[in-house]
């Protein structure tokens, strides 16, 4: 059995009572998710792996959660790990390598053959998120505005920006007052990628720049293999440009986080992720797990 029920330990604070409340909330979320799983997902019997946000950063709480879950599910071997671990396991089928989750933002989850988990690039829209939807959309809009100032025509890109945002002379105000500037900027990424898929030169140039930026983070993460997940992974032109920048193939995710949890719960894999599973309080939580 596997679970990725939306539970989280990231709200834990330096208070024993608050810790208990966080674990209780996570416990309830996981049990609810378990009850909602389709029957074919509830195997192999007697094994449960839960991906919980913050489990790597709070290993003691993860062990407490595993202990309490095991008490609720007699006869079940319960192990808790970070949601990043099951996402990675699902995306690469239990292999080591790097997974880039690219939507509005971007982060790379890297796992070494020895089981060391790292996060890269997830510094937010001002300091990181290289190659993300927000990065790509922002770069395209900068080029659109520069073309207007220099009085040269970016044609379809300008038209797409005008259609989405209206008066481009007020673009900075439109984004600033949207409430979520990064998300509003990222909305343009899909327009740019669709133009790139049609071979529009300006859109292709921006797409290539974004791919170079993301490829740089992937290269820092390790030698691969590489998989791409998230909203931008559905655009083949982007995957092709990333692969070109890396000089090696990139793929879509093989499976979901739930598939990853199921793989790790199955008892038949030798995946390096196994060292990041935290069981009921009878074992020492691994130091190498990260949030």
C-alpha atoms as a PDB file:
ATOM      1  CA  UNK A   1       0.000   0.000   0.000  1.00  0.00           C
ATOM      2  CA  UNK A   2       1.168   3.520  -0.665  1.00  0.00           C
ATOM      3  CA  UNK A   3       0.087   7.013   0.240  1.00  0.00           C
ATOM      4  CA  UNK A   4       0.759  10.632  -0.694  1.00  0.00           C
ATOM      5  CA  UNK A   5      -2.225  12.084   1.105  1.00  0.00           C
ATOM      6  CA  UNK A   6      -1.342  15.759   1.271  1.00  0.00           C
ATOM      7  CA  UNK A   7       0.012  15.515   4.798  1.00  0.00           C
ATOM      8  CA  UNK A   8       2.701  17.909   6.012  1.00  0.00           C
ATOM      9  CA  UNK A   9       5.128  18.277   8.899  1.00  0.00           C
ATOM     10  CA  UNK A  10       6.474  21.628   7.723  1.00  0.00           C
ATOM     11  CA  UNK A  11       4.369  23.663  10.165  1.00  0.00           C
ATOM     12  CA  UNK A  12       6.081  22.185  13.202  1.00  0.00           C
ATOM     13  CA  UNK A  13       7.458  24.754  15.674  1.00  0.00           C
ATOM     14  CA  UNK A  14       9.471  24.594  18.861  1.00  0.00           C
ATOM     15  CA  UNK A  15       6.582  23.512  21.033  1.00  0.00           C
ATOM     16  CA  UNK A  16       5.810  19.967  22.105  1.00  0.00           C
ATOM     17  CA  UNK A  17       2.065  20.604  21.922  1.00  0.00           C
ATOM     18  CA  UNK A  18       2.317  22.074  18.457  1.00  0.00           C
ATOM     19  CA  UNK A  19       4.450  19.124  17.357  1.00  0.00           C
ATOM     20  CA  UNK A  20       1.738  16.745  18.536  1.00  0.00           C
ATOM     21  CA  UNK A  21      -0.953  18.704  16.699  1.00  0.00           C
ATOM     22  CA  UNK A  22       1.053  18.654  13.467  1.00  0.00           C
ATOM     23  CA  UNK A  23       1.589  14.893  13.699  1.00  0.00           C
ATOM     24  CA  UNK A  24      -2.103  14.347  14.493  1.00  0.00           C
ATOM     25  CA  UNK A  25      -3.152  16.421  11.483  1.00  0.00           C
ATOM     26  CA  UNK A  26      -0.768  14.491   9.229  1.00  0.00           C
ATOM     27  CA  UNK A  27      -2.038  11.197  10.652  1.00  0.00           C
ATOM     28  CA  UNK A  28      -5.642  12.109   9.919  1.00  0.00           C
ATOM     29  CA  UNK A  29      -4.793  13.252   6.380  1.00  0.00           C
ATOM     30  CA  UNK A  30      -2.998   9.993   5.597  1.00  0.00           C
ATOM     31  CA  UNK A  31      -5.760   7.784   6.996  1.00  0.00           C
ATOM     32  CA  UNK A  32      -8.316   9.738   4.974  1.00  0.00           C
ATOM     33  CA  UNK A  33      -6.201   9.357   1.831  1.00  0.00           C
ATOM     34  CA  UNK A  34      -5.832   5.626   2.511  1.00  0.00           C
ATOM     35  CA  UNK A  35      -9.590   5.211   2.709  1.00  0.00           C
ATOM     36  CA  UNK A  36      -9.963   6.986  -0.638  1.00  0.00           C
ATOM     37  CA  UNK A  37      -7.411   4.879  -2.535  1.00  0.00           C
ATOM     38  CA  UNK A  38      -8.855   2.589  -5.227  1.00  0.00           C
ATOM     39  CA  UNK A  39      -8.746  -1.076  -4.317  1.00  0.00           C
ATOM     40  CA  UNK A  40      -6.039  -1.908  -6.844  1.00  0.00           C
ATOM     41  CA  UNK A  41      -3.686   0.553  -5.127  1.00  0.00           C
ATOM     42  CA  UNK A  42      -4.001  -1.178  -1.745  1.00  0.00           C
ATOM     43  CA  UNK A  43      -1.248  -3.737  -2.190  1.00  0.00           C
ATOM     44  CA  UNK A  44       1.045  -5.348  -1.300  1.00  0.00           C
ATOM     45  CA  UNK A  45      -0.833  -6.003   1.924  1.00  0.00           C
ATOM     46  CA  UNK A  46       0.971  -5.124   5.115  1.00  0.00           C
ATOM     47  CA  UNK A  47       3.182  -2.341   3.741  1.00  0.00           C
ATOM     48  CA  UNK A  48       2.563   1.412   3.775  1.00  0.00           C
ATOM     49  CA  UNK A  49       4.899   4.162   2.535  1.00  0.00           C
ATOM     50  CA  UNK A  50       3.793   7.760   3.120  1.00  0.00           C
ATOM     51  CA  UNK A  51       5.302  10.796   1.429  1.00  0.00           C
ATOM     52  CA  UNK A  52       4.929  13.752   3.785  1.00  0.00           C
ATOM     53  CA  UNK A  53       6.134  17.310   3.187  1.00  0.00           C
ATOM     54  CA  UNK A  54       8.817  18.191   5.733  1.00  0.00           C
ATOM     55  CA  UNK A  55       9.551  14.611   6.800  1.00  0.00           C
ATOM     56  CA  UNK A  56      13.228  14.925   5.928  1.00  0.00           C
ATOM     57  CA  UNK A  57      13.620  18.191   7.840  1.00  0.00           C
ATOM     58  CA  UNK A  58      11.748  16.806  10.870  1.00  0.00           C
ATOM     59  CA  UNK A  59      12.865  13.145  11.124  1.00  0.00           C
ATOM     60  CA  UNK A  60      11.818  12.793  14.769  1.00  0.00           C
ATOM     61  CA  UNK A  61       8.280  13.850  13.889  1.00  0.00           C
ATOM     62  CA  UNK A  62       8.344  11.505  10.905  1.00  0.00           C
ATOM     63  CA  UNK A  63       9.283   8.623  13.215  1.00  0.00           C
ATOM     64  CA  UNK A  64       6.476   9.606  15.601  1.00  0.00           C
ATOM     65  CA  UNK A  65       4.039   9.697  12.707  1.00  0.00           C
ATOM     66  CA  UNK A  66       5.173   6.244  11.551  1.00  0.00           C
ATOM     67  CA  UNK A  67       4.747   4.898  15.082  1.00  0.00           C
ATOM     68  CA  UNK A  68       1.225   6.293  15.435  1.00  0.00           C
ATOM     69  CA  UNK A  69       0.229   5.085  11.978  1.00  0.00           C
ATOM     70  CA  UNK A  70       1.496   1.617  12.764  1.00  0.00           C
ATOM     71  CA  UNK A  71      -0.649   1.602  15.912  1.00  0.00           C
ATOM     72  CA  UNK A  72      -3.684   2.545  13.804  1.00  0.00           C
ATOM     73  CA  UNK A  73      -2.919  -0.180  11.245  1.00  0.00           C
ATOM     74  CA  UNK A  74      -1.968  -3.364  13.118  1.00  0.00           C
ATOM     75  CA  UNK A  75       0.055  -5.775  11.040  1.00  0.00           C
ATOM     76  CA  UNK A  76       1.177  -3.057   8.644  1.00  0.00           C
ATOM     77  CA  UNK A  77       4.810  -2.047   8.267  1.00  0.00           C
ATOM     78  CA  UNK A  78       4.715   1.759   8.088  1.00  0.00           C
ATOM     79  CA  UNK A  79       7.479   3.980   6.739  1.00  0.00           C
ATOM     80  CA  UNK A  80       7.417   7.754   6.274  1.00  0.00           C
ATOM     81  CA  UNK A  81       9.578   9.825   3.963  1.00  0.00           C
ATOM     82  CA  UNK A  82       9.609  13.212   2.267  1.00  0.00           C
ATOM     83  CA  UNK A  83       7.123  13.817  -0.526  1.00  0.00           C
ATOM     84  CA  UNK A  84      10.171  14.650  -2.651  1.00  0.00           C
ATOM     85  CA  UNK A  85      11.435  11.087  -2.275  1.00  0.00           C
ATOM     86  CA  UNK A  86       8.287   9.423  -3.610  1.00  0.00           C
ATOM     87  CA  UNK A  87       8.023  12.019  -6.398  1.00  0.00           C
ATOM     88  CA  UNK A  88      11.585  11.228  -7.463  1.00  0.00           C
ATOM     89  CA  UNK A  89      11.064   7.468  -7.199  1.00  0.00           C
ATOM     90  CA  UNK A  90       7.974   7.652  -9.379  1.00  0.00           C
ATOM     91  CA  UNK A  91       9.515   9.920 -11.989  1.00  0.00           C
ATOM     92  CA  UNK A  92      12.653   7.818 -12.535  1.00  0.00           C
ATOM     93  CA  UNK A  93      11.265   4.392 -11.704  1.00  0.00           C
ATOM     94  CA  UNK A  94      13.420   4.009  -8.611  1.00  0.00           C
ATOM     95  CA  UNK A  95      16.700   4.997 -10.273  1.00  0.00           C
ATOM     96  CA  UNK A  96      19.135   7.645  -9.105  1.00  0.00           C
ATOM     97  CA  UNK A  97      19.297  10.842 -11.154  1.00  0.00           C
ATOM     98  CA  UNK A  98      17.608  14.235 -11.279  1.00  0.00           C
ATOM     99  CA  UNK A  99      13.975  15.275 -11.632  1.00  0.00           C
ATOM    100  CA  UNK A 100      13.059  18.852 -12.560  1.00  0.00           C
ATOM    101  CA  UNK A 101       9.569  19.966 -11.571  1.00  0.00           C
ATOM    102  CA  UNK A 102       8.852  22.922 -13.854  1.00  0.00           C
ATOM    103  CA  UNK A 103       5.671  24.955 -13.606  1.00  0.00           C
ATOM    104  CA  UNK A 104       5.284  28.514 -12.372  1.00  0.00           C
ATOM    105  CA  UNK A 105       8.479  27.872 -10.405  1.00  0.00           C
ATOM    106  CA  UNK A 106      11.208  25.282 -10.867  1.00  0.00           C
ATOM    107  CA  UNK A 107      13.127  22.950  -8.612  1.00  0.00           C
ATOM    108  CA  UNK A 108      15.422  20.027  -9.230  1.00  0.00           C
ATOM    109  CA  UNK A 109      15.383  16.969  -6.968  1.00  0.00           C
ATOM    110  CA  UNK A 110      18.604  14.977  -7.265  1.00  0.00           C
ATOM    111  CA  UNK A 111      19.339  11.585  -5.728  1.00  0.00           C
ATOM    112  CA  UNK A 112      22.788  10.012  -5.860  1.00  0.00           C
ATOM    113  CA  UNK A 113      23.334   6.245  -6.203  1.00  0.00           C
ATOM    114  CA  UNK A 114      24.298   6.312  -2.535  1.00  0.00           C
ATOM    115  CA  UNK A 115      20.966   7.815  -1.504  1.00  0.00           C
ATOM    116  CA  UNK A 116      21.926  11.467  -0.912  1.00  0.00           C
ATOM    117  CA  UNK A 117      18.939  13.703  -1.687  1.00  0.00           C
ATOM    118  CA  UNK A 118      19.414  17.334  -2.755  1.00  0.00           C
ATOM    119  CA  UNK A 119      17.149  20.188  -3.852  1.00  0.00           C
ATOM    120  CA  UNK A 120      18.474  22.792  -6.273  1.00  0.00           C
ATOM    121  CA  UNK A 121      17.164  25.954  -7.871  1.00  0.00           C
ATOM    122  CA  UNK A 122      14.087  26.455  -5.723  1.00  0.00           C
ATOM    123  CA  UNK A 123      14.954  29.954  -4.498  1.00  0.00           C
ATOM    124  CA  UNK A 124      11.775  31.659  -5.638  1.00  0.00           C
ATOM    125  CA  UNK A 125      11.093  33.940  -8.613  1.00  0.00           C
ATOM    126  CA  UNK A 126      13.652  36.633  -7.724  1.00  0.00           C
ATOM    127  CA  UNK A 127      16.658  34.457  -6.847  1.00  0.00           C
ATOM    128  CA  UNK A 128      15.998  31.141  -8.566  1.00  0.00           C
ATOM    129  CA  UNK A 129      13.359  29.180 -10.487  1.00  0.00           C
ATOM    130  CA  UNK A 130      15.663  29.236 -13.526  1.00  0.00           C
ATOM    131  CA  UNK A 131      13.895  27.967 -16.626  1.00  0.00           C
ATOM    132  CA  UNK A 132      10.479  28.012 -14.964  1.00  0.00           C
ATOM    133  CA  UNK A 133       7.240  29.310 -16.411  1.00  0.00           C
ATOM    134  CA  UNK A 134       7.717  32.590 -14.556  1.00  0.00           C
ATOM    135  CA  UNK A 135      11.314  32.854 -15.830  1.00  0.00           C
ATOM    136  CA  UNK A 136      10.336  32.089 -19.419  1.00  0.00           C
ATOM    137  CA  UNK A 137       7.321  34.393 -19.390  1.00  0.00           C
ATOM    138  CA  UNK A 138       9.289  37.236 -17.820  1.00  0.00           C
ATOM    139  CA  UNK A 139      12.123  36.917 -20.339  1.00  0.00           C
ATOM    140  CA  UNK A 140       9.679  36.915 -23.242  1.00  0.00           C
ATOM    141  CA  UNK A 141       7.914  40.007 -21.909  1.00  0.00           C
ATOM    142  CA  UNK A 142      11.230  41.808 -21.418  1.00  0.00           C
ATOM    143  CA  UNK A 143      12.076  41.160 -25.051  1.00  0.00           C
ATOM    144  CA  UNK A 144       8.638  42.328 -26.151  1.00  0.00           C
ATOM    145  CA  UNK A 145       9.070  45.617 -24.270  1.00  0.00           C
ATOM    146  CA  UNK A 146      12.632  46.070 -25.556  1.00  0.00           C
ATOM    147  CA  UNK A 147      11.437  45.570 -29.117  1.00  0.00           C
ATOM    148  CA  UNK A 148       8.863  48.320 -28.689  1.00  0.00           C
ATOM    149  CA  UNK A 149      11.487  50.710 -27.327  1.00  0.00           C
ATOM    150  CA  UNK A 150      13.890  49.911 -30.159  1.00  0.00           C
ATOM    151  CA  UNK A 151      11.117  50.032 -32.751  1.00  0.00           C
ATOM    152  CA  UNK A 152      11.665  46.580 -34.176  1.00  0.00           C
ATOM    153  CA  UNK A 153       8.952  44.008 -34.654  1.00  0.00           C
ATOM    154  CA  UNK A 154       8.700  40.770 -32.701  1.00  0.00           C
ATOM    155  CA  UNK A 155       5.405  40.159 -34.468  1.00  0.00           C
ATOM    156  CA  UNK A 156       3.575  37.162 -32.976  1.00  0.00           C
ATOM    157  CA  UNK A 157       5.157  37.566 -29.525  1.00  0.00           C
ATOM    158  CA  UNK A 158       3.907  41.146 -29.274  1.00  0.00           C
ATOM    159  CA  UNK A 159       0.499  40.069 -30.474  1.00  0.00           C
ATOM    160  CA  UNK A 160       0.319  37.246 -27.936  1.00  0.00           C
ATOM    161  CA  UNK A 161       1.401  39.556 -25.104  1.00  0.00           C
ATOM    162  CA  UNK A 162      -1.182  42.164 -26.083  1.00  0.00           C
ATOM    163  CA  UNK A 163      -3.911  39.542 -26.279  1.00  0.00           C
ATOM    164  CA  UNK A 164      -3.106  38.251 -22.798  1.00  0.00           C
ATOM    165  CA  UNK A 165      -2.282  41.469 -20.936  1.00  0.00           C
ATOM    166  CA  UNK A 166      -3.902  44.279 -22.914  1.00  0.00           C
ATOM    167  CA  UNK A 167      -2.165  47.665 -23.131  1.00  0.00           C
ATOM    168  CA  UNK A 168       1.565  46.896 -22.975  1.00  0.00           C
ATOM    169  CA  UNK A 169       2.333  50.454 -21.862  1.00  0.00           C
ATOM    170  CA  UNK A 170       0.641  49.465 -18.597  1.00  0.00           C
ATOM    171  CA  UNK A 171       2.144  45.984 -18.388  1.00  0.00           C
ATOM    172  CA  UNK A 172       4.215  46.690 -15.281  1.00  0.00           C
ATOM    173  CA  UNK A 173       1.087  47.922 -13.494  1.00  0.00           C
ATOM    174  CA  UNK A 174      -0.962  44.977 -14.716  1.00  0.00           C
ATOM    175  CA  UNK A 175       1.551  42.517 -13.273  1.00  0.00           C
ATOM    176  CA  UNK A 176       2.130  44.454 -10.052  1.00  0.00           C
ATOM    177  CA  UNK A 177      -1.579  44.635  -9.251  1.00  0.00           C
ATOM    178  CA  UNK A 178      -2.355  41.030 -10.184  1.00  0.00           C
ATOM    179  CA  UNK A 179      -1.691  39.841  -6.628  1.00  0.00           C
ATOM    180  CA  UNK A 180       0.569  37.051  -7.896  1.00  0.00           C
ATOM    181  CA  UNK A 181       3.100  38.577 -10.322  1.00  0.00           C
ATOM    182  CA  UNK A 182       5.090  35.362 -10.771  1.00  0.00           C
ATOM    183  CA  UNK A 183       1.969  33.380 -11.614  1.00  0.00           C
ATOM    184  CA  UNK A 184       0.711  36.129 -13.927  1.00  0.00           C
ATOM    185  CA  UNK A 185       4.060  36.221 -15.717  1.00  0.00           C
ATOM    186  CA  UNK A 186       4.142  32.430 -15.963  1.00  0.00           C
ATOM    187  CA  UNK A 187       0.782  32.479 -17.735  1.00  0.00           C
ATOM    188  CA  UNK A 188       2.596  33.829 -20.803  1.00  0.00           C
ATOM    189  CA  UNK A 189       4.954  30.838 -20.929  1.00  0.00           C
ATOM    190  CA  UNK A 190       2.364  28.591 -22.537  1.00  0.00           C
ATOM    191  CA  UNK A 191       1.731  31.186 -25.253  1.00  0.00           C
ATOM    192  CA  UNK A 192       5.464  31.439 -25.948  1.00  0.00           C
ATOM    193  CA  UNK A 193       5.941  27.673 -26.105  1.00  0.00           C
ATOM    194  CA  UNK A 194       3.021  27.239 -28.478  1.00  0.00           C
ATOM    195  CA  UNK A 195       4.564  29.844 -30.775  1.00  0.00           C
ATOM    196  CA  UNK A 196       7.912  28.056 -30.475  1.00  0.00           C
ATOM    197  CA  UNK A 197       6.246  24.795 -31.470  1.00  0.00           C
ATOM    198  CA  UNK A 198       5.059  26.591 -34.608  1.00  0.00           C
ATOM    199  CA  UNK A 199       8.639  27.647 -35.354  1.00  0.00           C
ATOM    200  CA  UNK A 200       8.303  31.363 -34.508  1.00  0.00           C
ATOM    201  CA  UNK A 201      11.933  32.598 -34.250  1.00  0.00           C
ATOM    202  CA  UNK A 202      11.512  35.006 -31.320  1.00  0.00           C
ATOM    203  CA  UNK A 203       9.646  32.427 -29.256  1.00  0.00           C
ATOM    204  CA  UNK A 204      12.225  29.770 -30.094  1.00  0.00           C
ATOM    205  CA  UNK A 205      15.018  32.066 -28.936  1.00  0.00           C
ATOM    206  CA  UNK A 206      13.329  32.655 -25.572  1.00  0.00           C
ATOM    207  CA  UNK A 207      12.586  28.943 -25.204  1.00  0.00           C
ATOM    208  CA  UNK A 208      16.228  28.130 -25.871  1.00  0.00           C
ATOM    209  CA  UNK A 209      17.354  30.644 -23.224  1.00  0.00           C
ATOM    210  CA  UNK A 210      14.995  29.119 -20.660  1.00  0.00           C
ATOM    211  CA  UNK A 211      16.183  25.618 -21.541  1.00  0.00           C
ATOM    212  CA  UNK A 212      19.810  26.706 -21.113  1.00  0.00           C
ATOM    213  CA  UNK A 213      18.990  28.129 -17.674  1.00  0.00           C
ATOM    214  CA  UNK A 214      17.273  24.949 -16.489  1.00  0.00           C
ATOM    215  CA  UNK A 215      19.962  22.746 -18.031  1.00  0.00           C
ATOM    216  CA  UNK A 216      22.580  24.605 -15.994  1.00  0.00           C
ATOM    217  CA  UNK A 217      20.780  23.654 -12.775  1.00  0.00           C
ATOM    218  CA  UNK A 218      20.404  20.051 -13.935  1.00  0.00           C
ATOM    219  CA  UNK A 219      24.108  19.840 -14.733  1.00  0.00           C
ATOM    220  CA  UNK A 220      24.934  21.064 -11.220  1.00  0.00           C
ATOM    221  CA  UNK A 221      22.692  18.359  -9.804  1.00  0.00           C
ATOM    222  CA  UNK A 222      24.613  15.418 -11.253  1.00  0.00           C
ATOM    223  CA  UNK A 223      25.143  13.350 -14.404  1.00  0.00           C
ATOM    224  CA  UNK A 224      21.554  12.195 -14.893  1.00  0.00           C
ATOM    225  CA  UNK A 225      19.416  10.514 -16.040  1.00  0.00           C
ATOM    226  CA  UNK A 226      17.045  13.473 -16.153  1.00  0.00           C
ATOM    227  CA  UNK A 227      13.245  13.617 -16.086  1.00  0.00           C
ATOM    228  CA  UNK A 228      10.996  16.665 -16.374  1.00  0.00           C
ATOM    229  CA  UNK A 229       7.641  16.993 -14.612  1.00  0.00           C
ATOM    230  CA  UNK A 230       5.193  19.848 -14.130  1.00  0.00           C
ATOM    231  CA  UNK A 231       3.181  22.051 -16.433  1.00  0.00           C
ATOM    232  CA  UNK A 232       5.939  22.852 -18.926  1.00  0.00           C
ATOM    233  CA  UNK A 233       6.827  19.186 -19.425  1.00  0.00           C
ATOM    234  CA  UNK A 234       3.928  18.834 -21.841  1.00  0.00           C
ATOM    235  CA  UNK A 235       5.679  20.977 -24.464  1.00  0.00           C
ATOM    236  CA  UNK A 236       7.971  18.781 -26.557  1.00  0.00           C
ATOM    237  CA  UNK A 237       9.820  21.785 -27.962  1.00  0.00           C
ATOM    238  CA  UNK A 238      10.957  22.647 -24.443  1.00  0.00           C
ATOM    239  CA  UNK A 239      12.105  19.096 -23.708  1.00  0.00           C
ATOM    240  CA  UNK A 240      14.018  19.042 -26.991  1.00  0.00           C
ATOM    241  CA  UNK A 241      15.788  22.319 -26.198  1.00  0.00           C
ATOM    242  CA  UNK A 242      16.711  21.109 -22.695  1.00  0.00           C
ATOM    243  CA  UNK A 243      18.095  17.882 -24.153  1.00  0.00           C
ATOM    244  CA  UNK A 244      20.085  19.882 -26.679  1.00  0.00           C
ATOM    245  CA  UNK A 245      21.567  22.080 -23.960  1.00  0.00           C
ATOM    246  CA  UNK A 246      22.498  19.032 -21.875  1.00  0.00           C
ATOM    247  CA  UNK A 247      23.758  16.957 -24.762  1.00  0.00           C
ATOM    248  CA  UNK A 248      21.744  13.969 -23.567  1.00  0.00           C
ATOM    249  CA  UNK A 249      18.095  12.901 -23.530  1.00  0.00           C
ATOM    250  CA  UNK A 250      15.498  14.089 -21.052  1.00  0.00           C
ATOM    251  CA  UNK A 251      12.203  12.305 -20.526  1.00  0.00           C
ATOM    252  CA  UNK A 252       8.813  12.901 -19.027  1.00  0.00           C
ATOM    253  CA  UNK A 253       8.211  11.294 -15.652  1.00  0.00           C
ATOM    254  CA  UNK A 254       7.715   7.528 -15.796  1.00  0.00           C
ATOM    255  CA  UNK A 255       5.117   7.698 -13.037  1.00  0.00           C
ATOM    256  CA  UNK A 256       3.542   9.794 -10.308  1.00  0.00           C
ATOM    257  CA  UNK A 257       4.468  10.256  -6.668  1.00  0.00           C
ATOM    258  CA  UNK A 258       1.873   7.607  -5.843  1.00  0.00           C
ATOM    259  CA  UNK A 259       3.643   5.207  -8.199  1.00  0.00           C
ATOM    260  CA  UNK A 260       6.872   5.998  -6.379  1.00  0.00           C
ATOM    261  CA  UNK A 261       5.362   5.245  -2.979  1.00  0.00           C
ATOM    262  CA  UNK A 262       3.928   1.993  -4.312  1.00  0.00           C
ATOM    263  CA  UNK A 263       7.315   0.999  -5.719  1.00  0.00           C
ATOM    264  CA  UNK A 264       9.043   1.628  -2.389  1.00  0.00           C
ATOM    265  CA  UNK A 265       6.318  -0.200  -0.466  1.00  0.00           C
ATOM    266  CA  UNK A 266       6.566  -3.269  -2.697  1.00  0.00           C
ATOM    267  CA  UNK A 267       9.591  -4.819  -1.034  1.00  0.00           C
ATOM    268  CA  UNK A 268      11.165  -5.895  -4.326  1.00  0.00           C
ATOM    269  CA  UNK A 269      13.223  -2.834  -5.257  1.00  0.00           C
ATOM    270  CA  UNK A 270      16.817  -1.974  -4.392  1.00  0.00           C
ATOM    271  CA  UNK A 271      16.220   1.726  -5.133  1.00  0.00           C
ATOM    272  CA  UNK A 272      18.584   4.161  -3.383  1.00  0.00           C
ATOM    273  CA  UNK A 273      15.466   5.844  -1.968  1.00  0.00           C
ATOM    274  CA  UNK A 274      15.080   3.027   0.575  1.00  0.00           C
ATOM    275  CA  UNK A 275      17.677   4.588   2.863  1.00  0.00           C
ATOM    276  CA  UNK A 276      15.457   7.669   3.195  1.00  0.00           C
ATOM    277  CA  UNK A 277      12.469   5.785   4.612  1.00  0.00           C
ATOM    278  CA  UNK A 278      11.812   6.429   8.299  1.00  0.00           C
ATOM    279  CA  UNK A 279      10.101   3.641  10.200  1.00  0.00           C
ATOM    280  CA  UNK A 280       8.369   3.491  13.555  1.00  0.00           C
ATOM    281  CA  UNK A 281      10.610   4.782  16.336  1.00  0.00           C
ATOM    282  CA  UNK A 282      12.674   1.601  16.592  1.00  0.00           C
ATOM    283  CA  UNK A 283      15.254   2.860  14.059  1.00  0.00           C
ATOM    284  CA  UNK A 284      17.361   5.976  13.776  1.00  0.00           C
ATOM    285  CA  UNK A 285      16.073   8.435  11.159  1.00  0.00           C
ATOM    286  CA  UNK A 286      18.560   8.885   8.282  1.00  0.00           C
ATOM    287  CA  UNK A 287      20.588  12.076   8.381  1.00  0.00           C
ATOM    288  CA  UNK A 288      20.685  12.373   4.590  1.00  0.00           C
ATOM    289  CA  UNK A 289      16.943  12.929   4.125  1.00  0.00           C
ATOM    290  CA  UNK A 290      16.015  16.508   3.262  1.00  0.00           C
ATOM    291  CA  UNK A 291      12.723  18.318   3.273  1.00  0.00           C
END
